[in-house]
Amino acid sequence: MPKIKLDHCVIHVSDWDRSHAFYRDVLGAATTPVARLPVQPGGSDLCFEWPGPIREAQAHLEAYGVPIELGPVPRFGACGQGTSIYFRDPDGSLLEFISYKRSHPVSKMRGVATVRMTTDEITALTREES
């Protein structure tokens, strides 16, 4: 399994055994139960850097029977322009693999912009437009 980068995060889960197996098997992550309800189950949104082409990430998820919700789509992440796919953990938290490996011509990426916003920012923006 390729090395996927994330230092640490806290995710509330509804079923420890099921979630532990998902994060261990699909993401190769170590899990430890430590937090006290920091978020509701399914309320997390995490992005992991995939070290190879995004098509390899797609194949990885397919091998584990994890449906892809969106993608591949161009996105701008911590290391610049990349390509992402989105999927969910067993509790419904949104997860993203982003690859910074070019598997497509740069010309196709011109003119693409991505804005990352929190739910509160989106809600505030929606209210301003009403």
Protein backbone atom coordinates (compact mmCIF):
# COMPACT_ATOMS: atom_id res chain seq x y z
CA MET A 1 0.00 0.00 0.00
CA PRO A 2 1.36 3.46 -0.84
CA LYS A 3 2.11 5.92 1.98
CA ILE A 4 -0.83 8.27 2.49
CA LYS A 5 -0.05 11.49 4.43
CA LEU A 6 -2.05 12.79 7.38
CA ASP A 7 -0.56 13.55 10.76
CA HIS A 8 -3.64 13.06 12.95
CA CYS A 9 -7.29 13.94 13.28
CA VAL A 10 -10.25 13.17 15.53
CA ILE A 11 -13.33 11.50 14.08
CA HIS A 12 -16.41 10.46 16.03
CA VAL A 13 -17.70 7.07 14.92
CA SER A 14 -20.82 5.12 15.76
CA ASP A 15 -19.30 1.62 15.55
CA TRP A 16 -15.69 1.35 16.71
CA ASP A 17 -14.96 -2.11 15.24
CA ARG A 18 -16.41 -1.29 11.81
CA SER A 19 -14.66 2.07 11.61
CA HIS A 20 -11.36 0.72 12.92
CA ALA A 21 -11.40 -1.94 10.18
CA PHE A 22 -12.24 0.66 7.49
CA TYR A 23 -9.47 3.10 8.45
CA ARG A 24 -6.95 0.30 8.98
CA ASP A 25 -7.71 -1.60 5.76
CA VAL A 26 -8.67 1.15 3.30
CA LEU A 27 -6.35 3.94 4.51
CA GLY A 28 -3.62 2.03 6.34
CA ALA A 29 -4.19 4.27 9.38
CA ALA A 30 -3.56 3.54 13.04
CA THR A 31 -6.60 4.26 15.21
CA THR A 32 -6.93 4.92 18.93
CA PRO A 33 -10.16 5.71 20.77
CA VAL A 34 -9.45 8.92 22.73
CA ALA A 35 -11.90 11.79 22.16
CA ARG A 36 -15.20 12.72 23.77
CA LEU A 37 -17.74 13.60 21.06
CA PRO A 38 -15.78 16.31 19.19
CA VAL A 39 -18.10 15.97 16.16
CA GLN A 40 -21.19 13.97 15.34
CA PRO A 41 -20.66 10.70 13.44
CA GLY A 42 -20.45 11.47 9.74
CA GLY A 43 -19.54 15.13 10.32
CA SER A 44 -15.86 14.97 9.39
CA ASP A 45 -14.27 16.06 6.10
CA LEU A 46 -10.70 14.84 5.54
CA CYS A 47 -8.30 15.05 2.62
CA PHE A 48 -5.43 12.59 2.19
CA GLU A 49 -2.59 13.03 -0.26
CA TRP A 50 -2.34 10.03 -2.59
CA PRO A 51 1.30 9.50 -3.65
CA GLY A 52 0.62 8.22 -7.18
CA PRO A 53 -1.76 8.92 -10.05
CA ILE A 54 -5.41 9.31 -9.05
CA ARG A 55 -6.40 6.31 -11.19
CA GLU A 56 -4.43 4.15 -8.71
CA ALA A 57 -6.46 5.62 -5.85
CA GLN A 58 -9.65 4.77 -7.75
CA ALA A 59 -8.47 1.17 -8.21
CA HIS A 60 -7.56 0.99 -4.51
CA LEU A 61 -11.05 2.06 -3.42
CA GLU A 62 -12.69 -0.27 -5.94
CA ALA A 63 -10.64 -3.19 -4.57
CA TYR A 64 -12.18 -2.52 -1.14
CA GLY A 65 -15.69 -2.01 -2.50
CA VAL A 66 -15.73 1.68 -1.54
CA PRO A 67 -17.94 3.70 -3.92
CA ILE A 68 -16.53 6.92 -5.35
CA GLU A 69 -18.96 9.77 -4.77
CA LEU A 70 -17.31 12.35 -7.03
CA GLY A 71 -14.32 12.52 -9.30
CA PRO A 72 -11.79 12.55 -10.58
CA VAL A 73 -12.05 16.35 -10.48
CA PRO A 74 -9.41 19.11 -10.51
CA ARG A 75 -8.81 20.63 -7.06
CA PHE A 76 -6.38 23.01 -5.41
CA GLY A 77 -4.88 21.54 -2.22
CA ALA A 78 -2.05 22.18 0.21
CA CYS A 79 0.58 21.48 -2.50
CA GLY A 80 -1.14 23.30 -5.37
CA GLN A 81 -3.18 21.96 -8.27
CA GLY A 82 -4.15 18.31 -8.06
CA THR A 83 -6.83 15.80 -8.97
CA SER A 84 -9.24 14.46 -6.35
CA ILE A 85 -11.78 11.73 -5.78
CA TYR A 86 -14.32 11.77 -2.96
CA PHE A 87 -15.74 8.88 -0.96
CA ARG A 88 -17.29 8.26 2.46
CA ASP A 89 -16.33 6.30 5.54
CA PRO A 90 -18.84 3.88 7.15
CA ASP A 91 -20.44 6.74 9.16
CA GLY A 92 -20.78 9.04 6.14
CA SER A 93 -17.82 11.37 6.77
CA LEU A 94 -16.54 12.82 3.50
CA LEU A 95 -13.03 11.68 2.58
CA GLU A 96 -10.88 12.84 -0.30
CA PHE A 97 -7.78 11.49 -1.99
CA ILE A 98 -5.83 14.21 -3.82
CA SER A 99 -2.99 13.40 -6.19
CA TYR A 100 -0.45 15.97 -7.31
CA LYS A 101 0.94 13.57 -9.93
CA ARG A 102 0.16 14.78 -13.43
CA SER A 103 -1.75 12.10 -15.31
CA HIS A 104 -3.25 14.58 -17.75
CA PRO A 105 -1.93 17.46 -19.87
CA VAL A 106 -1.41 20.73 -18.02
CA SER A 107 -3.41 22.58 -20.70
CA LYS A 108 -6.58 20.84 -19.51
CA MET A 109 -6.08 22.34 -16.04
CA ARG A 110 -5.91 25.99 -17.19
CA GLY A 111 -8.76 28.17 -16.02
CA VAL A 112 -9.80 25.80 -13.24
CA ALA A 113 -10.21 27.31 -9.80
CA THR A 114 -11.38 25.67 -6.59
CA VAL A 115 -12.51 27.38 -3.43
CA ARG A 116 -12.60 25.46 -0.18
CA MET A 117 -15.19 26.70 2.29
CA THR A 118 -16.52 25.52 5.62
CA THR A 119 -20.22 24.80 6.04
CA ASP A 120 -20.54 28.00 8.10
CA GLU A 121 -18.93 30.05 5.30
CA ILE A 122 -21.24 28.51 2.70
CA THR A 123 -24.28 29.19 4.92
CA ALA A 124 -23.18 32.81 5.44
CA LEU A 125 -22.60 33.30 1.71
CA THR A 126 -26.00 31.79 0.88
CA ARG A 127 -27.69 34.17 3.34
CA GLU A 128 -25.87 37.17 1.79
CA GLU A 129 -27.13 36.22 -1.69
CA SER A 130 -30.79 35.90 -0.52
